[in-house]
């Protein structure tokens, strides 16, 4: 059977598709938090753990996955990950209680950890130029999947929603595996995994990447995890109306990832400078949302939510493109894995911490403003660095 002949635009379509399907499965949790909060009688912290569970395994698996991608290519690593993700989500659909749901989501997260390094490595290999816009389009798959999930999943029972998410994740991985072929020039390495980890962490260009990614990704996941409950509590909207606002946020994030990454290709400013702009704008949104009056008109609330989504989700496009630019070609997967593993610490900790802060204070204002302060301080610290 002849090998499929690929162009880089076909590759972009493939990796974007697999990102959309994987995000539908995992980001869909944000659309289910309201229903599961009510179904299990969860506290705010326990609700946040639903999102954190998916991010638990990647803390330790992302660097290993990135290393496997560098040594063996993206195709079969991502295929295995999609299968594991589907198994975890199927198990969550049949789970008898909240604890089993969490365990199954941890398994699903282990599978999801193959998608980001694998897809981003494909873009870095196939797009030596215009990398920012290509990476932005590919990374837009995450909020696209999240937006579609927010529009579709709340109308289903949570068990049916998890079953559908498993099928979608498996279909995306199968499509990628059947069609994608890596270039023949990928490098291999024979040093130990620990040596490769130490070598990567010692790179000076990695430090600002780690410093900038953690507060931004924490903000992103805290917002998507709690937006529906925040909207219901503060603005007295129904869960269906809150889900629509989550769709608005995710859709604005799609635009942000593409436009900000394209801007990073064309501007004289560094990609990290654009990431700092994202920090400042996200902090402003977090300061502003909790002080809007409960009677805020729907269009004004949608506009404020879209602003928050554009910046707090859009940062990821130029950020990942910067990693692909900075890392040597033979170690792109490991660099992506190390940076994303650091991000996972924020992904698993911030949603339950924001929920816990709400449980203690009975308001989201303290949590949102604390995140705004962290973003502001980090942006100021990075402004002292070159690049």
Protein backbone atom coordinates (compact mmCIF):
# COMPACT_ATOMS: atom_id res chain seq x y z
CA UNK A 1 0.00 0.00 0.00
CA UNK A 2 1.44 3.38 -1.05
CA UNK A 3 2.31 5.93 1.60
CA UNK A 4 -0.04 8.92 1.60
CA UNK A 5 1.53 12.04 0.07
CA UNK A 6 1.24 14.87 2.55
CA UNK A 7 1.57 18.60 2.26
CA UNK A 8 2.19 20.76 5.27
CA UNK A 9 -1.38 22.09 5.03
CA UNK A 10 -2.71 18.54 5.21
CA UNK A 11 -0.55 18.02 8.30
CA UNK A 12 -1.92 21.23 9.81
CA UNK A 13 -5.47 20.02 9.19
CA UNK A 14 -4.66 16.63 10.77
CA UNK A 15 -3.04 17.94 13.94
CA UNK A 16 -5.76 20.56 14.36
CA UNK A 17 -8.43 17.89 13.99
CA UNK A 18 -6.86 15.65 16.60
CA UNK A 19 -6.51 18.64 18.94
CA UNK A 20 -10.18 19.53 18.47
CA UNK A 21 -11.35 15.99 19.20
CA UNK A 22 -9.08 15.60 22.22
CA UNK A 23 -10.15 19.00 23.58
CA UNK A 24 -13.81 18.13 23.06
CA UNK A 25 -13.19 15.14 25.31
CA UNK A 26 -11.16 16.89 28.02
CA UNK A 27 -12.26 20.53 27.89
CA UNK A 28 -15.81 19.20 27.84
CA UNK A 29 -15.39 18.68 31.58
CA UNK A 30 -15.83 22.42 32.05
CA UNK A 31 -19.25 22.13 30.44
CA UNK A 32 -20.18 19.28 32.79
CA UNK A 33 -19.05 20.81 36.09
CA UNK A 34 -22.45 22.31 36.80
CA UNK A 35 -24.33 19.07 36.17
CA UNK A 36 -21.84 16.97 38.16
CA UNK A 37 -21.79 19.54 40.98
CA UNK A 38 -25.54 19.04 41.32
CA UNK A 39 -25.56 15.28 40.66
CA UNK A 40 -22.97 14.44 43.33
CA UNK A 41 -23.64 17.35 45.70
CA UNK A 42 -20.05 18.56 45.35
CA UNK A 43 -18.29 21.41 47.08
CA UNK A 44 -16.45 24.03 45.02
CA UNK A 45 -13.11 22.33 45.68
CA UNK A 46 -14.45 18.91 44.68
CA UNK A 47 -15.89 20.40 41.50
CA UNK A 48 -12.50 21.86 40.64
CA UNK A 49 -10.91 18.44 41.14
CA UNK A 50 -12.90 17.14 38.17
CA UNK A 51 -10.81 19.38 35.92
CA UNK A 52 -7.61 18.78 37.90
CA UNK A 53 -7.93 15.00 37.60
CA UNK A 54 -7.31 15.15 33.86
CA UNK A 55 -4.13 17.13 34.51
CA UNK A 56 -2.69 14.87 37.21
CA UNK A 57 -0.94 12.22 35.11
CA UNK A 58 0.66 14.65 32.62
CA UNK A 59 2.73 16.18 35.44
CA UNK A 60 4.95 13.11 35.27
CA UNK A 61 4.12 11.81 31.78
CA UNK A 62 4.56 14.86 29.56
CA UNK A 63 8.37 14.89 29.51
CA UNK A 64 8.44 11.13 28.90
CA UNK A 65 5.91 11.56 26.09
CA UNK A 66 7.91 14.42 24.57
CA UNK A 67 11.03 12.27 24.70
CA UNK A 68 9.20 9.38 23.01
CA UNK A 69 8.02 11.76 20.30
CA UNK A 70 11.62 12.91 19.68
CA UNK A 71 12.88 9.32 19.49
CA UNK A 72 10.02 7.47 17.79
CA UNK A 73 7.91 10.11 16.06
CA UNK A 74 4.44 11.41 16.68
CA UNK A 75 2.23 8.89 14.92
CA UNK A 76 2.09 5.86 17.20
CA UNK A 77 2.66 7.80 20.40
CA UNK A 78 -0.43 9.84 19.68
CA UNK A 79 -2.36 6.75 18.59
CA UNK A 80 -1.70 5.05 21.92
CA UNK A 81 -2.66 8.22 23.77
CA UNK A 82 -6.01 8.53 22.00
CA UNK A 83 -6.85 4.93 22.86
CA UNK A 84 -5.97 5.46 26.55
CA UNK A 85 -8.01 8.66 26.61
CA UNK A 86 -11.03 6.87 25.17
CA UNK A 87 -10.71 4.05 27.72
CA UNK A 88 -10.58 6.51 30.61
CA UNK A 89 -13.62 8.46 29.42
CA UNK A 90 -15.58 5.27 28.82
CA UNK A 91 -14.79 4.21 32.35
CA UNK A 92 -15.98 7.58 33.68
CA UNK A 93 -19.27 7.13 31.83
CA UNK A 94 -19.88 3.84 33.67
CA UNK A 95 -18.46 4.94 37.05
CA UNK A 96 -20.68 4.23 40.08
CA UNK A 97 -19.49 7.21 42.14
CA UNK A 98 -17.45 10.41 42.20
CA UNK A 99 -14.20 8.73 43.30
CA UNK A 100 -14.23 6.31 40.36
CA UNK A 101 -14.99 9.19 37.99
CA UNK A 102 -11.84 10.94 39.27
CA UNK A 103 -9.71 7.82 38.81
CA UNK A 104 -10.95 7.35 35.25
CA UNK A 105 -10.28 11.00 34.44
CA UNK A 106 -6.69 10.58 35.64
CA UNK A 107 -6.33 7.76 33.09
CA UNK A 108 -7.90 9.91 30.38
CA UNK A 109 -5.41 12.67 31.22
CA UNK A 110 -2.51 10.28 30.75
CA UNK A 111 -3.75 9.66 27.23
CA UNK A 112 -4.28 13.36 26.58
CA UNK A 113 -0.66 14.08 27.48
CA UNK A 114 0.40 12.71 24.06
CA UNK A 115 -1.63 15.25 22.09
CA UNK A 116 0.17 18.49 22.91
CA UNK A 117 3.82 17.44 22.41
CA UNK A 118 2.94 15.24 19.44
CA UNK A 119 0.90 17.81 17.57
CA UNK A 120 3.21 20.71 18.37
CA UNK A 121 6.27 18.72 17.25
CA UNK A 122 4.53 17.99 13.94
CA UNK A 123 3.99 21.72 13.37
CA UNK A 124 7.59 22.58 14.29
CA UNK A 125 8.89 20.01 11.78
CA UNK A 126 6.54 20.81 8.89
CA UNK A 127 6.50 24.61 9.30
CA UNK A 128 10.03 26.04 9.43
CA UNK A 129 8.50 29.40 8.48
CA UNK A 130 5.11 30.93 9.38
CA UNK A 131 5.37 28.75 12.46
CA UNK A 132 3.46 31.14 14.68
CA UNK A 133 0.26 31.24 12.64
CA UNK A 134 0.40 27.47 12.03
CA UNK A 135 0.91 26.82 15.72
CA UNK A 136 -1.89 29.26 16.53
CA UNK A 137 -4.32 27.51 14.19
CA UNK A 138 -3.39 24.16 15.66
CA UNK A 139 -3.65 25.41 19.24
CA UNK A 140 -7.00 26.98 18.41
CA UNK A 141 -8.24 23.41 18.31
CA UNK A 142 -8.35 23.39 22.11
CA UNK A 143 -10.89 26.21 22.55
CA UNK A 144 -12.75 25.03 19.42
CA UNK A 145 -13.20 21.63 21.04
CA UNK A 146 -14.11 23.31 24.30
CA UNK A 147 -16.66 25.58 22.60
CA UNK A 148 -18.33 22.70 20.78
CA UNK A 149 -18.39 20.68 23.99
CA UNK A 150 -19.94 23.60 25.88
CA UNK A 151 -22.63 23.87 23.22
CA UNK A 152 -23.39 20.12 22.99
CA UNK A 153 -22.62 18.30 26.23
CA UNK A 154 -24.76 20.14 28.83
CA UNK A 155 -27.90 18.99 27.02
CA UNK A 156 -26.86 15.34 27.55
CA UNK A 157 -26.73 13.38 30.75
CA UNK A 158 -23.20 13.29 32.08
CA UNK A 159 -22.82 9.57 31.39
CA UNK A 160 -23.90 10.01 27.78
CA UNK A 161 -21.61 13.02 27.52
CA UNK A 162 -18.57 11.00 28.62
CA UNK A 163 -19.45 8.21 26.19
CA UNK A 164 -19.68 10.66 23.31
CA UNK A 165 -16.39 12.28 24.34
CA UNK A 166 -14.66 8.88 24.31
CA UNK A 167 -15.90 8.16 20.78
CA UNK A 168 -14.81 11.57 19.52
CA UNK A 169 -11.32 11.23 21.04
CA UNK A 170 -10.86 7.78 19.52
CA UNK A 171 -12.03 8.96 16.10
CA UNK A 172 -9.56 11.86 16.09
CA UNK A 173 -6.63 9.65 17.06
CA UNK A 174 -7.53 7.03 14.45
CA UNK A 175 -7.74 9.66 11.70
CA UNK A 176 -4.31 11.03 12.58
CA UNK A 177 -2.74 7.55 12.76
CA UNK A 178 -4.15 6.40 9.42
CA UNK A 179 -3.05 9.45 7.45
CA UNK A 180 -0.04 11.08 9.12
CA UNK A 181 3.55 10.20 8.22
CA UNK A 182 6.58 11.93 9.76
CA UNK A 183 9.41 13.32 7.64
CA UNK A 184 12.38 11.00 7.27
CA UNK A 185 14.81 13.45 8.86
CA UNK A 186 13.75 13.17 12.52
CA UNK A 187 16.69 12.69 14.90
CA UNK A 188 17.18 9.94 17.43
CA UNK A 189 19.25 10.00 20.64
CA UNK A 190 20.82 7.32 22.81
CA UNK A 191 21.53 9.15 26.08
CA UNK A 192 19.53 8.26 29.20
CA UNK A 193 16.15 9.79 29.92
CA UNK A 194 17.41 11.40 33.13
CA UNK A 195 20.36 12.96 31.30
CA UNK A 196 18.04 14.35 28.65
CA UNK A 197 15.74 15.79 31.34
CA UNK A 198 18.65 17.49 33.15
CA UNK A 199 20.03 18.83 29.87
CA UNK A 200 16.65 20.32 28.96
CA UNK A 201 16.02 21.91 32.37
CA UNK A 202 19.46 23.57 32.31
CA UNK A 203 18.68 25.50 29.14
CA UNK A 204 18.43 29.24 29.98
CA UNK A 205 15.78 29.87 27.30
CA UNK A 206 13.42 27.50 29.15
CA UNK A 207 13.19 29.63 32.30
CA UNK A 208 10.99 32.49 31.01
CA UNK A 209 8.82 29.88 29.28
CA UNK A 210 8.20 28.09 32.57
CA UNK A 211 7.66 31.33 34.50
CA UNK A 212 5.11 32.68 32.02
CA UNK A 213 3.19 29.49 31.33
CA UNK A 214 2.27 28.51 34.89
CA UNK A 215 0.12 31.52 35.92
CA UNK A 216 -1.50 31.82 32.51
CA UNK A 217 -2.53 28.20 32.21
CA UNK A 218 -3.74 28.26 35.80
CA UNK A 219 -5.94 31.23 34.98
CA UNK A 220 -7.21 29.53 31.83
CA UNK A 221 -8.29 26.36 33.58
CA UNK A 222 -9.63 28.11 36.67
CA UNK A 223 -11.84 30.28 34.47
CA UNK A 224 -13.13 27.46 32.31
CA UNK A 225 -13.72 25.22 35.34
CA UNK A 226 -15.65 27.79 37.38
CA UNK A 227 -17.17 30.19 34.86
CA UNK A 228 -20.55 28.44 34.79
CA UNK A 229 -20.89 28.33 38.57
CA UNK A 230 -19.60 31.90 38.91
CA UNK A 231 -22.13 33.10 36.34
CA UNK A 232 -24.99 31.27 38.02
CA UNK A 233 -24.06 32.63 41.45
CA UNK A 234 -23.06 36.20 40.66
CA UNK A 235 -25.31 37.02 37.70
CA UNK A 236 -28.20 34.66 38.57
CA UNK A 237 -28.13 32.99 35.17
CA UNK A 238 -29.28 29.40 34.57
CA UNK A 239 -26.76 26.67 33.83
CA UNK A 240 -27.86 26.64 30.18
CA UNK A 241 -27.21 30.39 29.91
CA UNK A 242 -23.89 29.95 31.71
CA UNK A 243 -22.91 27.22 29.26
CA UNK A 244 -23.57 29.66 26.42
CA UNK A 245 -21.16 32.13 28.04
CA UNK A 246 -18.57 29.36 28.32
CA UNK A 247 -19.02 28.79 24.57
CA UNK A 248 -18.47 32.51 24.01
CA UNK A 249 -15.26 32.39 26.06
CA UNK A 250 -13.92 29.37 24.20
CA UNK A 251 -14.82 30.87 20.82
CA UNK A 252 -13.02 34.11 21.69
CA UNK A 253 -10.06 31.94 22.72
CA UNK A 254 -10.03 30.42 19.22
CA UNK A 255 -9.70 33.88 17.73
CA UNK A 256 -7.04 34.80 20.28
CA UNK A 257 -4.85 31.79 19.58
CA UNK A 258 -4.87 32.38 15.83
CA UNK A 259 -4.63 36.18 15.79
CA UNK A 260 -2.05 36.52 18.56
CA UNK A 261 0.14 33.80 17.03
CA UNK A 262 -0.14 35.42 13.58
CA UNK A 263 0.77 38.77 15.16
CA UNK A 264 3.84 37.14 16.72
CA UNK A 265 5.01 36.12 13.21
CA UNK A 266 4.76 39.68 11.90
CA UNK A 267 5.66 42.04 14.73
CA UNK A 268 9.10 43.21 15.79
CA UNK A 269 8.14 42.35 19.37
CA UNK A 270 9.19 38.95 20.68
CA UNK A 271 6.60 36.23 21.16
CA UNK A 272 7.18 36.43 24.92
CA UNK A 273 6.37 40.14 24.87
CA UNK A 274 2.98 39.26 23.40
CA UNK A 275 2.57 36.69 26.17
CA UNK A 276 3.18 39.50 28.68
CA UNK A 277 0.42 41.52 27.03
CA UNK A 278 -1.85 38.52 27.53
CA UNK A 279 -0.98 38.48 31.23
CA UNK A 280 -1.87 42.15 31.65
CA UNK A 281 -5.16 41.84 29.77
CA UNK A 282 -6.15 38.64 31.59
CA UNK A 283 -5.45 40.32 34.93
CA UNK A 284 -7.68 43.23 33.92
CA UNK A 285 -10.49 40.84 33.01
CA UNK A 286 -10.22 39.01 36.34
CA UNK A 287 -10.37 42.31 38.22
CA UNK A 288 -13.36 43.50 36.21
CA UNK A 289 -15.66 40.46 36.05
CA UNK A 290 -16.43 40.16 39.80
CA UNK A 291 -17.43 43.84 40.09
CA UNK A 292 -19.92 43.80 37.24
CA UNK A 293 -23.42 44.23 38.70
CA UNK A 294 -25.71 41.18 38.72
CA UNK A 295 -28.08 43.06 36.40
CA UNK A 296 -25.45 43.40 33.67
CA UNK A 297 -27.18 43.03 30.26
CA UNK A 298 -26.55 39.77 28.44
CA UNK A 299 -24.65 41.38 25.55
CA UNK A 300 -22.36 43.31 27.90
CA UNK A 301 -21.68 40.16 29.91
CA UNK A 302 -20.93 38.24 26.72
CA UNK A 303 -18.51 40.98 25.63
CA UNK A 304 -16.68 40.90 28.97
CA UNK A 305 -16.49 37.11 28.81
CA UNK A 306 -15.19 37.24 25.23
CA UNK A 307 -12.47 39.70 26.25
CA UNK A 308 -11.39 37.38 29.05
CA UNK A 309 -11.37 34.39 26.70
CA UNK A 310 -9.42 36.13 23.93
CA UNK A 311 -6.46 36.87 26.20
CA UNK A 312 -6.61 34.15 28.87
CA UNK A 313 -6.87 31.39 26.25
CA UNK A 314 -5.18 33.13 23.31
CA UNK A 315 -1.73 33.32 24.94
CA UNK A 316 -1.00 29.67 24.19
CA UNK A 317 -0.44 30.17 20.44
CA UNK A 318 2.57 32.51 20.63
CA UNK A 319 3.85 30.74 23.76
CA UNK A 320 4.10 27.33 22.09
CA UNK A 321 5.53 28.89 18.93
CA UNK A 322 8.26 30.45 21.08
CA UNK A 323 9.17 27.02 22.46
CA UNK A 324 9.42 25.59 18.94
CA UNK A 325 11.66 28.51 17.93
CA UNK A 326 13.92 28.28 20.98
CA UNK A 327 14.40 24.51 21.23
CA UNK A 328 16.88 22.64 19.00
CA UNK A 329 15.13 20.47 16.42
CA UNK A 330 16.25 17.17 17.94
CA UNK A 331 14.80 18.13 21.35
CA UNK A 332 11.58 19.97 20.51
CA UNK A 333 9.41 17.24 21.98
CA UNK A 334 11.36 17.21 25.25
CA UNK A 335 11.24 21.00 25.53
CA UNK A 336 7.49 20.98 24.93
CA UNK A 337 7.06 18.16 27.42
CA UNK A 338 9.08 19.91 30.13
CA UNK A 339 7.24 23.21 29.72
CA UNK A 340 3.82 21.60 29.58
CA UNK A 341 4.60 19.39 32.60
CA UNK A 342 5.31 22.53 34.61
CA UNK A 343 1.99 23.93 33.40
CA UNK A 344 0.21 20.84 34.66
CA UNK A 345 1.07 21.79 38.25
CA UNK A 346 -1.10 24.88 37.82
CA UNK A 347 -3.77 22.97 35.90
CA UNK A 348 -4.29 20.46 38.70
CA UNK A 349 -3.92 22.91 41.59
CA UNK A 350 -5.70 26.11 40.59
CA UNK A 351 -9.25 24.86 39.83
CA UNK A 352 -9.70 23.17 43.25
CA UNK A 353 -7.92 26.03 45.03
CA UNK A 354 -10.26 28.57 43.45
CA UNK A 355 -13.15 26.33 44.47
CA UNK A 356 -11.79 26.08 48.01
CA UNK A 357 -11.41 29.86 48.20
CA UNK A 358 -15.04 30.15 47.17
CA UNK A 359 -16.11 27.59 49.80
CA UNK A 360 -14.35 29.62 52.50
CA UNK A 361 -15.36 33.13 51.38
CA UNK A 362 -18.65 32.39 49.56
CA UNK A 363 -17.50 34.52 46.65
CA UNK A 364 -15.27 34.12 43.60
CA UNK A 365 -13.91 37.64 43.98
CA UNK A 366 -10.98 36.65 46.22
CA UNK A 367 -9.89 33.87 43.85
CA UNK A 368 -10.12 35.96 40.70
CA UNK A 369 -8.26 38.88 42.24
CA UNK A 370 -5.50 36.63 43.59
CA UNK A 371 -4.95 35.27 40.08
CA UNK A 372 -4.91 38.83 38.72
CA UNK A 373 -2.20 39.77 41.21
CA UNK A 374 -0.10 36.72 40.27
CA UNK A 375 -0.38 37.54 36.56
CA UNK A 376 0.58 41.17 37.14
CA UNK A 377 3.62 40.33 39.26
CA UNK A 378 4.81 37.73 36.75
CA UNK A 379 4.43 40.12 33.82
CA UNK A 380 6.48 42.72 35.70
CA UNK A 381 9.17 40.16 36.52
CA UNK A 382 9.42 39.04 32.89
CA UNK A 383 9.59 42.63 31.66
CA UNK A 384 13.01 42.81 33.31
CA UNK A 385 14.27 40.02 31.06
CA UNK A 386 15.38 40.44 27.47
CA UNK A 387 13.15 38.82 24.80
